[in-house]
Amino acid sequence: MSTSFYTISRFQNRSNGLQELLCISGPTVRFDPAMCLSFLPANACQLPFLIARGYFEKIGIEDGVDKIDDVFRLFCMTQQILRKRFLLLFLACFLGINLLGTSATDSEERKLSDLLDQLRKEVGAPGAVLGVSSPDGRCVVVASGMADRETGRSMTPETPYYIGSATKTYTAVTILRLVEKGRLSLDDTLDHFLPAFPDGAKIQVRHLLAQTSGLKDFYAYFYYRPNRDEMIEFVTKRWSQDELIQLSGRFGRWFEPGTDWDYSSTNYFLLGVLIERAGGLSLSEAYRTYIYEPLGIKHTWLPKHEKERGQLPTGYMGHFEGWKHSEMFGELAATTVLDRSTAELSAGGLAAPAEENIRFLRAVIDKELLSTDSFKAMTQFRSTPALGFSDSKPAPGDSDGYGLGLVQMKRSGFTLLGHGGMYNGHTAGMWHVSECGKTISVYFNRAFVNQNDVIDRILPAICE
C-alpha cells in the first residue's frame, strides 16, 4: 500500500485525523503528505507567545496576559483554517488520482462480489473465491458463501484452497528450472531416472510435460473401481512412491510416445519423481526453492506432505453422470471421506490462496521464473479436444491447446493461458487474459463445476 493511501486512510478513519496529521513532528523516513503542512514545528510557532505571556505574568499585567491569550487563540484558528484549506487543495491536486483509484477499487470489488455471488448460486457451490489482478499489479480478491457449511465457517479472500491440476503448471516450471540448471534435459528419457520402467527408453521428459507419452492415467484405476468401498480404499490409501511408479507403468500406453495427445495425470506424477531424483530435493522443497522463495510466496503448500499453512475449505459433491460413485453424495454432501487422498502430489496436490496463485501465474507469463527459451518451449501449443467440464458446445473460433504444463484456451474472443483443476469436491483455475492483461484465479468448493461457462461469464466483466 502506498504512503499516500495510508495517510488518506488515517485521515478518513479518525475523528481528529486532521489535528493528528498537523501535529506530527520529528524526522521521517518515508514521505508523508501531511508533513508538508507543518510549516514550522508546533513548539516553534508557540514560542513567541509563550515568552510574551510569561513577561506580562512576571510584571503583573493581567490585561496583557489576556490579550496575548486572545491573539494566540486567533493565530491558532487562522493557522488551522489555512491548513485545512491547504490540505484540501493538496489532496485534490496531488492525491486526486489515488482518491479516484480508491473509489475505483471499491467499485470493482463490489462488482466482482456481486458477480461471484451470482455464479456461486448458479453452480450450487457452498463457497467461492475470485481474484483478479490488473497489469499494474493491483489485485482484488473477493469471497462468497461458506468454506464449511456444517460449521458455518465463512469463505474469505485469504482462504487457501486446493488448486487441483493447476499444480501441473508449478511442476512444469520446476522441471524447466532444472533444465536451465543443467540437471536434466527435455530430451532425456525416463529410463535414465527409472531404469526398470516399461519402455522407459521411448518416453522423453518432453513427452511427459506435453501429455504425449501415451501413458494411461492410473488415477482412473482408483476412482473407477467397480465396488464403492474398494474405490474409497484405493483413493485414501497412503501409497508409497515405488507403488505409484509401478502403477504408472502397469496399464501400458494408448499410443506410441510423441505420436498423439491424451491428458493423463500419470505424466505429472512421474515428473514429480524426476524433480526429486534430478534435483536432489523433496517435491515440497523443490517448489519452495524454484518458485515460492523467488516470488515471496508463503502460504502455498502440499497438504498432507508438509506443515499446514492455512485452514482449507471442505469440498462438496453432488451426483455427476460421468462418475457412478458420485451417487453416494446425493444432491450435495461433503467429500470428507475422500479428502485423505495423498497420491495427487505433483499432478494435482497443491493448495494456495488466490493472490499467491495469481502471483505465480503472472510471474510465469512475465518470464520472471523462466528464460525466454523455456517460456517459448512452454507455449508451443498442440491442438486438443475441449478441456474441462462443459456441457455446452464450443462457439465458432473457440479452441483449446496444451503446451508444457500450460493450457491455451480461446473463449468468446479472448485468449487465455493457464490451467484448470479439480480435486475431490473442489474446482479451481488460474488464467491470464492476453487481450486485457488481467490474471484471474477462481475457485468453488464443489466438484465438477462447469469452469468454461464460468470463465465465459467472468471475461466480459473484467475486460470491458
Protein backbone atom coordinates (compact mmCIF):
# COMPACT_ATOMS: atom_id res chain seq x y z
CA MET A 1 0.00 0.00 0.00
CA SER A 2 1.40 3.40 -0.92
CA THR A 3 2.17 6.01 1.72
CA SER A 4 -0.47 8.34 0.30
CA PHE A 5 -3.19 5.69 0.64
CA TYR A 6 -2.07 5.07 4.21
CA THR A 7 -2.25 8.78 5.03
CA ILE A 8 -5.70 9.18 3.50
CA SER A 9 -6.91 6.15 5.42
CA ARG A 10 -5.73 7.64 8.72
CA PHE A 11 -7.27 10.98 7.83
CA GLN A 12 -10.62 9.45 6.95
CA ASN A 13 -10.86 6.96 9.78
CA ARG A 14 -10.02 9.09 12.81
CA SER A 15 -12.36 11.74 14.18
CA ASN A 16 -9.45 14.00 15.00
CA GLY A 17 -7.45 12.87 12.00
CA LEU A 18 -6.67 16.39 10.72
CA GLN A 19 -5.31 17.53 14.07
CA GLU A 20 -3.18 14.38 14.35
CA LEU A 21 -1.77 14.89 10.90
CA LEU A 22 -0.94 18.53 11.58
CA CYS A 23 0.79 17.85 14.89
CA ILE A 24 3.24 15.23 13.57
CA SER A 25 6.80 16.36 14.21
CA GLY A 26 10.28 14.91 14.16
CA PRO A 27 12.31 13.18 11.44
CA THR A 28 10.56 10.85 8.99
CA VAL A 29 11.99 8.22 6.67
CA ARG A 30 9.00 7.82 4.35
CA PHE A 31 7.32 10.70 2.58
CA ASP A 32 4.07 11.71 4.32
CA PRO A 33 2.00 14.41 2.58
CA ALA A 34 0.76 15.71 5.93
CA MET A 35 4.30 16.59 6.94
CA CYS A 36 4.32 19.22 4.18
CA LEU A 37 1.56 21.09 6.04
CA SER A 38 3.58 21.74 9.19
CA PHE A 39 5.38 24.90 8.07
CA LEU A 40 7.02 25.26 11.49
CA PRO A 41 7.21 22.80 14.39
CA ALA A 42 4.38 23.43 16.85
CA ASN A 43 6.72 24.45 19.67
CA ALA A 44 8.48 26.98 17.45
CA CYS A 45 5.13 28.55 16.47
CA GLN A 46 4.11 28.89 20.11
CA LEU A 47 7.44 30.17 21.45
CA PRO A 48 6.95 33.95 20.86
CA PHE A 49 3.54 33.84 22.51
CA LEU A 50 4.85 31.90 25.49
CA ILE A 51 7.70 34.41 26.00
CA ALA A 52 5.34 37.41 25.80
CA ARG A 53 2.79 35.77 28.09
CA GLY A 54 5.49 34.90 30.61
CA TYR A 55 6.76 38.51 30.57
CA PHE A 56 3.33 40.04 31.27
CA GLU A 57 2.67 37.49 34.03
CA LYS A 58 6.01 38.36 35.64
CA ILE A 59 5.35 42.10 35.73
CA GLY A 60 1.73 41.53 36.81
CA ILE A 61 -0.14 42.95 33.85
CA GLU A 62 -3.12 40.58 33.68
CA ASP A 63 -4.74 42.60 30.87
CA GLY A 64 -1.64 41.91 28.77
CA VAL A 65 -1.84 38.21 29.54
CA ASP A 66 -5.47 38.12 28.42
CA LYS A 67 -4.67 39.97 25.19
CA ILE A 68 -1.79 37.57 24.46
CA ASP A 69 -4.18 34.63 25.01
CA ASP A 70 -6.75 36.21 22.66
CA VAL A 71 -4.12 36.84 19.98
CA PHE A 72 -2.76 33.30 20.38
CA ARG A 73 -6.23 31.79 20.01
CA LEU A 74 -6.84 33.91 16.90
CA PHE A 75 -3.48 32.81 15.49
CA CYS A 76 -4.29 29.13 16.10
CA MET A 77 -7.73 29.44 14.49
CA THR A 78 -6.32 31.25 11.45
CA GLN A 79 -3.49 28.75 11.11
CA GLN A 80 -5.91 25.83 11.37
CA ILE A 81 -8.27 27.29 8.74
CA LEU A 82 -5.36 27.89 6.37
CA ARG A 83 -4.04 24.42 6.95
CA LYS A 84 -7.43 22.84 6.37
CA ARG A 85 -7.82 24.71 3.09
CA PHE A 86 -4.30 23.86 2.07
CA LEU A 87 -4.84 20.24 2.99
CA LEU A 88 -7.97 20.03 0.84
CA LEU A 89 -6.20 21.71 -2.05
CA PHE A 90 -3.19 19.45 -1.62
CA LEU A 91 -5.33 16.32 -1.60
CA ALA A 92 -7.35 17.47 -4.60
CA CYS A 93 -4.33 18.42 -6.69
CA PHE A 94 -1.77 15.80 -5.77
CA LEU A 95 -3.75 12.85 -4.46
CA GLY A 96 -6.75 13.07 -6.73
CA ILE A 97 -5.63 10.06 -8.74
CA ASN A 98 -5.21 7.97 -5.61
CA LEU A 99 -8.57 9.07 -4.24
CA LEU A 100 -10.23 8.16 -7.51
CA GLY A 101 -8.25 4.91 -7.55
CA THR A 102 -9.54 4.00 -4.11
CA SER A 103 -13.09 4.64 -5.27
CA ALA A 104 -12.48 2.61 -8.43
CA THR A 105 -11.07 -0.25 -6.37
CA ASP A 106 -14.14 -0.27 -4.12
CA SER A 107 -16.40 -0.21 -7.16
CA GLU A 108 -14.51 -3.09 -8.79
CA GLU A 109 -14.65 -5.10 -5.58
CA ARG A 110 -18.41 -4.65 -5.31
CA LYS A 111 -18.84 -5.60 -8.95
CA LEU A 112 -16.77 -8.76 -8.55
CA SER A 113 -18.55 -9.67 -5.31
CA ASP A 114 -21.95 -9.39 -6.97
CA LEU A 115 -20.77 -11.48 -9.92
CA LEU A 116 -19.26 -14.17 -7.70
CA ASP A 117 -22.37 -14.38 -5.51
CA GLN A 118 -24.44 -14.95 -8.63
CA LEU A 119 -22.06 -17.55 -10.10
CA ARG A 120 -21.78 -19.45 -6.82
CA LYS A 121 -25.54 -19.75 -6.53
CA GLU A 122 -25.91 -20.81 -10.16
CA VAL A 123 -23.38 -23.66 -9.84
CA GLY A 124 -24.72 -24.69 -6.43
CA ALA A 125 -21.44 -24.35 -4.54
CA PRO A 126 -21.43 -23.56 -0.81
CA GLY A 127 -18.50 -21.17 -1.26
CA ALA A 128 -16.32 -19.46 -3.86
CA VAL A 129 -13.28 -17.20 -4.28
CA LEU A 130 -12.38 -14.95 -7.22
CA GLY A 131 -9.19 -12.95 -7.60
CA VAL A 132 -8.38 -10.52 -10.40
CA SER A 133 -5.01 -8.86 -10.93
CA SER A 134 -4.56 -5.85 -13.23
CA PRO A 135 -1.49 -5.17 -15.40
CA ASP A 136 -0.32 -2.58 -12.85
CA GLY A 137 -0.13 -5.34 -10.22
CA ARG A 138 -3.21 -4.29 -8.25
CA CYS A 139 -5.04 -7.42 -7.06
CA VAL A 140 -8.63 -7.62 -5.87
CA VAL A 141 -9.84 -10.84 -4.23
CA VAL A 142 -13.45 -11.45 -3.17
CA ALA A 143 -15.13 -14.40 -1.48
CA SER A 144 -18.68 -15.67 -1.23
CA GLY A 145 -20.55 -18.17 0.91
CA MET A 146 -19.24 -20.87 3.20
CA ALA A 147 -15.92 -22.67 3.43
CA ASP A 148 -17.71 -25.26 5.56
CA ARG A 149 -21.48 -25.23 5.66
CA GLU A 150 -21.69 -27.68 8.59
CA THR A 151 -19.77 -25.37 10.93
CA GLY A 152 -20.81 -22.12 9.26
CA ARG A 153 -17.19 -21.13 8.59
CA SER A 154 -17.15 -18.34 6.01
CA MET A 155 -15.07 -18.26 2.89
CA THR A 156 -12.67 -15.29 2.92
CA PRO A 157 -10.38 -13.70 0.31
CA GLU A 158 -7.42 -15.18 2.22
CA THR A 159 -8.77 -18.74 2.36
CA PRO A 160 -6.32 -21.19 0.73
CA TYR A 161 -7.84 -23.94 -1.41
CA TYR A 162 -6.91 -27.00 -3.43
CA ILE A 163 -5.93 -25.94 -6.94
CA GLY A 164 -6.09 -29.47 -8.39
CA SER A 165 -4.45 -29.92 -11.77
CA ALA A 166 -3.31 -26.29 -11.86
CA THR A 167 -0.48 -27.88 -9.84
CA LYS A 168 0.80 -29.19 -13.18
CA THR A 169 1.97 -25.70 -14.17
CA TYR A 170 4.00 -25.45 -10.96
CA THR A 171 5.50 -28.85 -11.74
CA ALA A 172 6.31 -27.89 -15.32
CA VAL A 173 8.02 -24.66 -14.21
CA THR A 174 10.11 -26.59 -11.67
CA ILE A 175 11.19 -29.09 -14.35
CA LEU A 176 12.13 -26.25 -16.73
CA ARG A 177 14.12 -24.55 -13.96
CA LEU A 178 16.07 -27.80 -13.53
CA VAL A 179 16.61 -27.96 -17.29
CA GLU A 180 18.05 -24.43 -17.19
CA LYS A 181 20.40 -25.51 -14.42
CA GLY A 182 21.59 -28.49 -16.44
CA ARG A 183 20.16 -31.09 -14.05
CA LEU A 184 18.22 -32.76 -16.87
CA SER A 185 17.18 -32.24 -20.49
CA LEU A 186 13.82 -32.22 -22.22
CA ASP A 187 15.21 -34.98 -24.44
CA ASP A 188 16.25 -37.21 -21.51
CA THR A 189 14.36 -40.50 -21.47
CA LEU A 190 12.54 -41.91 -18.49
CA ASP A 191 14.84 -44.95 -18.19
CA HIS A 192 17.68 -42.56 -17.30
CA PHE A 193 15.96 -41.98 -13.94
CA LEU A 194 13.78 -45.12 -13.69
CA PRO A 195 15.73 -47.97 -15.37
CA ALA A 196 13.02 -50.57 -14.76
CA PHE A 197 10.13 -48.53 -16.18
CA PRO A 198 8.42 -50.34 -19.08
CA ASP A 199 9.60 -48.90 -22.42
CA GLY A 200 11.20 -46.02 -20.49
CA ALA A 201 13.74 -45.54 -23.29
CA LYS A 202 10.93 -44.35 -25.58
CA ILE A 203 9.44 -41.74 -23.25
CA GLN A 204 11.16 -38.34 -23.07
CA VAL A 205 10.74 -35.65 -20.41
CA ARG A 206 9.20 -33.54 -23.17
CA HIS A 207 6.53 -36.19 -23.77
CA LEU A 208 5.54 -36.18 -20.10
CA LEU A 209 5.27 -32.38 -20.00
CA ALA A 210 3.27 -32.15 -23.23
CA GLN A 211 0.90 -35.07 -22.40
CA THR A 212 2.14 -37.00 -25.43
CA SER A 213 3.67 -40.04 -23.71
CA GLY A 214 0.57 -42.17 -24.28
CA LEU A 215 0.70 -43.46 -20.68
CA LYS A 216 -2.72 -44.33 -19.29
CA ASP A 217 -3.98 -42.49 -16.22
CA PHE A 218 -3.56 -44.71 -13.15
CA TYR A 219 -5.71 -42.33 -11.09
CA ALA A 220 -8.69 -43.63 -13.09
CA TYR A 221 -7.82 -47.05 -11.68
CA PHE A 222 -8.56 -45.63 -8.20
CA TYR A 223 -11.76 -43.74 -8.89
CA TYR A 224 -13.41 -46.19 -11.29
CA ARG A 225 -13.19 -49.32 -9.15
CA PRO A 226 -16.48 -51.24 -9.59
CA ASN A 227 -17.02 -51.51 -5.85
CA ARG A 228 -17.55 -48.31 -3.86
CA ASP A 229 -15.75 -49.46 -0.71
CA GLU A 230 -12.80 -50.60 -2.79
CA MET A 231 -12.76 -47.21 -4.53
CA ILE A 232 -12.62 -45.39 -1.19
CA GLU A 233 -9.85 -47.71 -0.01
CA PHE A 234 -7.76 -47.10 -3.14
CA VAL A 235 -8.31 -43.33 -3.15
CA THR A 236 -7.46 -42.84 0.52
CA LYS A 237 -4.60 -45.35 0.83
CA ARG A 238 -1.22 -43.79 1.58
CA TRP A 239 0.66 -45.21 -1.38
CA SER A 240 4.45 -45.27 -1.39
CA GLN A 241 6.31 -43.63 -4.26
CA ASP A 242 7.53 -47.01 -5.51
CA GLU A 243 3.96 -48.35 -5.56
CA LEU A 244 2.77 -45.37 -7.59
CA ILE A 245 5.69 -45.74 -10.02
CA GLN A 246 4.69 -49.36 -10.56
CA LEU A 247 1.09 -48.32 -11.18
CA SER A 248 2.31 -45.69 -13.68
CA GLY A 249 3.76 -48.38 -15.92
CA ARG A 250 1.25 -51.14 -15.18
CA PHE A 251 -1.51 -50.16 -17.61
CA GLY A 252 0.54 -49.55 -20.74
CA ARG A 253 0.03 -46.79 -23.31
CA TRP A 254 -2.73 -45.59 -25.61
CA PHE A 255 -0.21 -44.79 -28.39
CA GLU A 256 3.49 -44.57 -29.12
CA PRO A 257 5.19 -41.62 -27.39
CA GLY A 258 5.12 -38.40 -29.40
CA THR A 259 2.56 -39.59 -31.95
CA ASP A 260 -0.65 -38.31 -30.34
CA TRP A 261 -2.04 -36.45 -27.33
CA ASP A 262 -4.02 -37.62 -24.31
CA TYR A 263 -4.42 -35.96 -20.91
CA SER A 264 -3.01 -38.20 -18.19
CA SER A 265 -2.05 -37.24 -14.65
CA THR A 266 0.37 -40.19 -14.66
CA ASN A 267 2.72 -37.98 -16.69
CA TYR A 268 2.85 -35.34 -14.00
CA PHE A 269 3.22 -37.77 -11.12
CA LEU A 270 6.32 -39.11 -12.90
CA LEU A 271 7.63 -35.56 -13.42
CA GLY A 272 7.45 -35.12 -9.64
CA VAL A 273 9.62 -38.21 -9.24
CA LEU A 274 12.10 -36.75 -11.76
CA ILE A 275 12.18 -33.46 -9.85
CA GLU A 276 13.27 -35.29 -6.70
CA ARG A 277 15.80 -37.55 -8.42
CA ALA A 278 17.36 -34.94 -10.69
CA GLY A 279 17.17 -32.02 -8.28
CA GLY A 280 18.11 -33.77 -5.05
CA LEU A 281 15.24 -32.14 -3.13
CA SER A 282 11.86 -33.36 -1.98
CA LEU A 283 8.98 -32.17 -4.13
CA SER A 284 7.87 -29.64 -1.49
CA GLU A 285 11.40 -28.29 -1.11
CA ALA A 286 11.82 -28.02 -4.89
CA TYR A 287 8.63 -25.97 -5.24
CA ARG A 288 9.85 -23.75 -2.43
CA THR A 289 13.35 -23.32 -3.88
CA TYR A 290 12.41 -22.70 -7.50
CA ILE A 291 9.04 -20.93 -7.14
CA TYR A 292 7.94 -19.80 -3.67
CA GLU A 293 11.13 -18.16 -2.43
CA PRO A 294 11.85 -16.16 -5.62
CA LEU A 295 8.28 -14.81 -5.54
CA GLY A 296 7.88 -14.33 -1.78
CA ILE A 297 5.12 -16.94 -1.63
CA LYS A 298 4.48 -18.15 1.93
CA HIS A 299 1.04 -19.79 2.04
CA THR A 300 1.15 -22.28 -0.84
CA TRP A 301 1.93 -25.86 0.11
CA LEU A 302 1.44 -29.57 -0.49
CA PRO A 303 -1.18 -30.68 2.07
CA LYS A 304 -0.61 -33.98 3.86
CA HIS A 305 3.06 -33.86 2.88
CA GLU A 306 4.26 -30.78 4.77
CA LYS A 307 3.22 -28.38 7.52
CA GLU A 308 -0.26 -26.93 7.03
CA ARG A 309 -0.30 -23.22 6.14
CA GLY A 310 -3.97 -22.49 6.49
CA GLN A 311 -7.42 -23.98 7.04
CA LEU A 312 -8.73 -25.42 3.80
CA PRO A 313 -12.39 -25.38 2.75
CA THR A 314 -14.48 -28.52 2.89
CA GLY A 315 -15.18 -29.97 -0.54
CA TYR A 316 -18.68 -30.88 -1.71
CA MET A 317 -20.08 -33.04 -4.46
CA GLY A 318 -23.45 -33.96 -5.91
CA HIS A 319 -24.41 -36.71 -8.31
CA PHE A 320 -22.48 -36.45 -11.57
CA GLU A 321 -23.40 -38.52 -14.61
CA GLY A 322 -19.77 -39.20 -15.55
CA TRP A 323 -18.90 -40.98 -12.30
CA LYS A 324 -21.28 -43.54 -10.82
CA HIS A 325 -19.82 -43.38 -7.29
CA SER A 326 -20.93 -39.75 -7.05
CA GLU A 327 -24.36 -41.17 -6.19
CA MET A 328 -23.08 -41.61 -2.64
CA PHE A 329 -23.20 -37.82 -2.17
CA GLY A 330 -26.85 -37.42 -3.14
CA GLU A 331 -27.86 -33.88 -4.06
CA LEU A 332 -24.85 -32.37 -2.29
CA ALA A 333 -22.64 -33.64 0.55
CA ALA A 334 -19.16 -33.13 1.95
CA THR A 335 -16.40 -35.21 0.35
CA THR A 336 -14.59 -35.67 3.66
CA VAL A 337 -14.49 -39.44 3.12
CA LEU A 338 -12.17 -38.91 0.10
CA ASP A 339 -10.11 -35.98 1.39
CA ARG A 340 -7.47 -38.26 2.87
CA SER A 341 -6.09 -38.90 -0.61
CA THR A 342 -2.32 -38.32 -0.74
CA ALA A 343 -1.47 -39.56 -4.23
CA GLU A 344 -2.14 -36.38 -6.26
CA LEU A 345 1.25 -34.83 -5.41
CA SER A 346 2.83 -33.13 -8.46
CA ALA A 347 -0.19 -33.95 -10.63
CA GLY A 348 -2.78 -32.10 -8.54
CA GLY A 349 -1.98 -31.85 -4.83
CA LEU A 350 -1.13 -28.18 -4.16
CA ALA A 351 -3.19 -25.68 -2.18
CA ALA A 352 -2.84 -21.89 -2.44
CA PRO A 353 -4.71 -18.66 -1.70
CA ALA A 354 -5.96 -16.76 -4.75
CA GLU A 355 -3.45 -13.91 -4.51
CA GLU A 356 -0.43 -16.25 -4.47
CA ASN A 357 -1.86 -18.37 -7.28
CA ILE A 358 -2.21 -15.20 -9.36
CA ARG A 359 1.27 -14.03 -8.38
CA PHE A 360 2.71 -17.31 -9.63
CA LEU A 361 0.93 -17.27 -12.98
CA ARG A 362 1.81 -13.62 -13.63
CA ALA A 363 5.45 -14.45 -12.92
CA VAL A 364 5.29 -17.26 -15.49
CA ILE A 365 3.71 -15.00 -18.11
CA ASP A 366 6.16 -12.17 -17.38
CA LYS A 367 9.11 -14.62 -17.60
CA GLU A 368 10.25 -13.83 -14.06
CA LEU A 369 10.86 -17.52 -13.33
CA LEU A 370 11.88 -18.85 -16.75
CA SER A 371 14.19 -17.83 -19.54
CA THR A 372 12.78 -16.68 -22.86
CA ASP A 373 13.70 -20.04 -24.43
CA SER A 374 11.99 -22.02 -21.68
CA PHE A 375 8.84 -19.94 -21.91
CA LYS A 376 8.85 -20.33 -25.70
CA ALA A 377 9.01 -24.12 -25.27
CA MET A 378 6.23 -23.99 -22.69
CA THR A 379 3.95 -22.11 -25.07
CA GLN A 380 4.27 -24.38 -28.11
CA PHE A 381 0.63 -25.44 -28.03
CA ARG A 382 -0.78 -28.57 -29.59
CA SER A 383 -4.48 -28.51 -30.51
CA THR A 384 -6.53 -30.70 -28.20
CA PRO A 385 -10.14 -31.72 -27.65
CA ALA A 386 -12.13 -29.36 -25.43
CA LEU A 387 -10.64 -29.32 -21.94
CA GLY A 388 -12.52 -29.09 -18.66
CA PHE A 389 -16.08 -29.97 -17.70
CA SER A 390 -18.58 -28.31 -20.03
CA ASP A 391 -21.96 -29.36 -21.41
CA SER A 392 -22.04 -26.53 -23.94
CA LYS A 393 -20.65 -26.81 -27.44
CA PRO A 394 -17.66 -24.59 -28.28
CA ALA A 395 -18.60 -21.40 -30.08
CA PRO A 396 -17.12 -20.72 -33.53
CA GLY A 397 -13.49 -19.71 -33.08
CA ASP A 398 -13.16 -21.34 -29.64
CA SER A 399 -10.29 -23.82 -29.29
CA ASP A 400 -8.00 -25.40 -26.72
CA GLY A 401 -4.32 -26.27 -26.82
CA TYR A 402 -1.75 -27.82 -24.47
CA GLY A 403 1.89 -26.77 -24.18
CA LEU A 404 4.32 -27.85 -21.47
CA GLY A 405 2.07 -27.75 -18.43
CA LEU A 406 0.24 -24.72 -19.75
CA VAL A 407 -3.18 -24.59 -21.41
CA GLN A 408 -4.24 -22.11 -24.08
CA MET A 409 -7.99 -21.53 -24.39
CA LYS A 410 -9.69 -19.27 -26.88
CA ARG A 411 -13.08 -18.34 -25.49
CA SER A 412 -15.56 -15.70 -26.63
CA GLY A 413 -12.89 -13.75 -28.47
CA PHE A 414 -10.36 -13.91 -25.62
CA THR A 415 -7.10 -15.86 -25.43
CA LEU A 416 -6.34 -17.37 -22.03
CA LEU A 417 -3.17 -19.00 -20.71
CA GLY A 418 -3.21 -21.03 -17.52
CA HIS A 419 -4.60 -24.28 -16.18
CA GLY A 420 -7.78 -25.57 -14.60
CA GLY A 421 -8.07 -28.22 -11.95
CA MET A 422 -10.26 -30.39 -9.80
CA TYR A 423 -9.66 -32.18 -6.53
CA ASN A 424 -12.20 -34.21 -4.53
CA GLY A 425 -15.03 -31.72 -4.06
CA HIS A 426 -13.10 -28.69 -5.35
CA THR A 427 -12.91 -26.90 -8.74
CA ALA A 428 -10.24 -24.27 -9.44
CA GLY A 429 -8.48 -22.45 -12.23
CA MET A 430 -5.92 -19.74 -12.92
CA TRP A 431 -5.94 -17.81 -16.19
CA HIS A 432 -4.15 -14.88 -17.78
CA VAL A 433 -6.20 -12.96 -20.36
CA SER A 434 -3.93 -11.75 -23.13
CA GLU A 435 -6.30 -9.11 -24.53
CA CYS A 436 -6.66 -7.07 -21.33
CA GLY A 437 -3.59 -8.20 -19.41
CA LYS A 438 -5.59 -9.35 -16.38
CA THR A 439 -4.98 -12.55 -14.43
CA ILE A 440 -7.67 -14.42 -12.55
CA SER A 441 -7.88 -17.22 -10.01
CA VAL A 442 -11.30 -18.77 -9.44
CA TYR A 443 -12.42 -21.47 -7.00
CA PHE A 444 -15.60 -23.27 -5.92
CA ASN A 445 -15.77 -25.84 -3.15
CA ARG A 446 -17.88 -28.10 -5.33
CA ALA A 447 -16.71 -30.79 -7.75
CA PHE A 448 -17.40 -30.83 -11.49
CA VAL A 449 -18.27 -27.14 -11.82
CA ASN A 450 -18.54 -26.15 -15.48
CA GLN A 451 -15.48 -23.90 -15.38
CA ASN A 452 -15.56 -22.97 -19.06
CA ASP A 453 -19.02 -21.45 -18.75
CA VAL A 454 -17.95 -19.66 -15.56
CA ILE A 455 -14.99 -18.15 -17.41
CA ASP A 456 -17.26 -17.02 -20.22
CA ARG A 457 -19.21 -15.03 -17.64
CA ILE A 458 -16.16 -13.56 -15.94
CA LEU A 459 -14.25 -12.40 -19.02
CA PRO A 460 -16.64 -9.66 -20.24
CA ALA A 461 -16.95 -8.34 -16.67
CA ILE A 462 -13.21 -7.88 -16.12
CA CYS A 463 -12.09 -6.92 -19.63
CA GLU A 464 -14.78 -4.41 -20.59
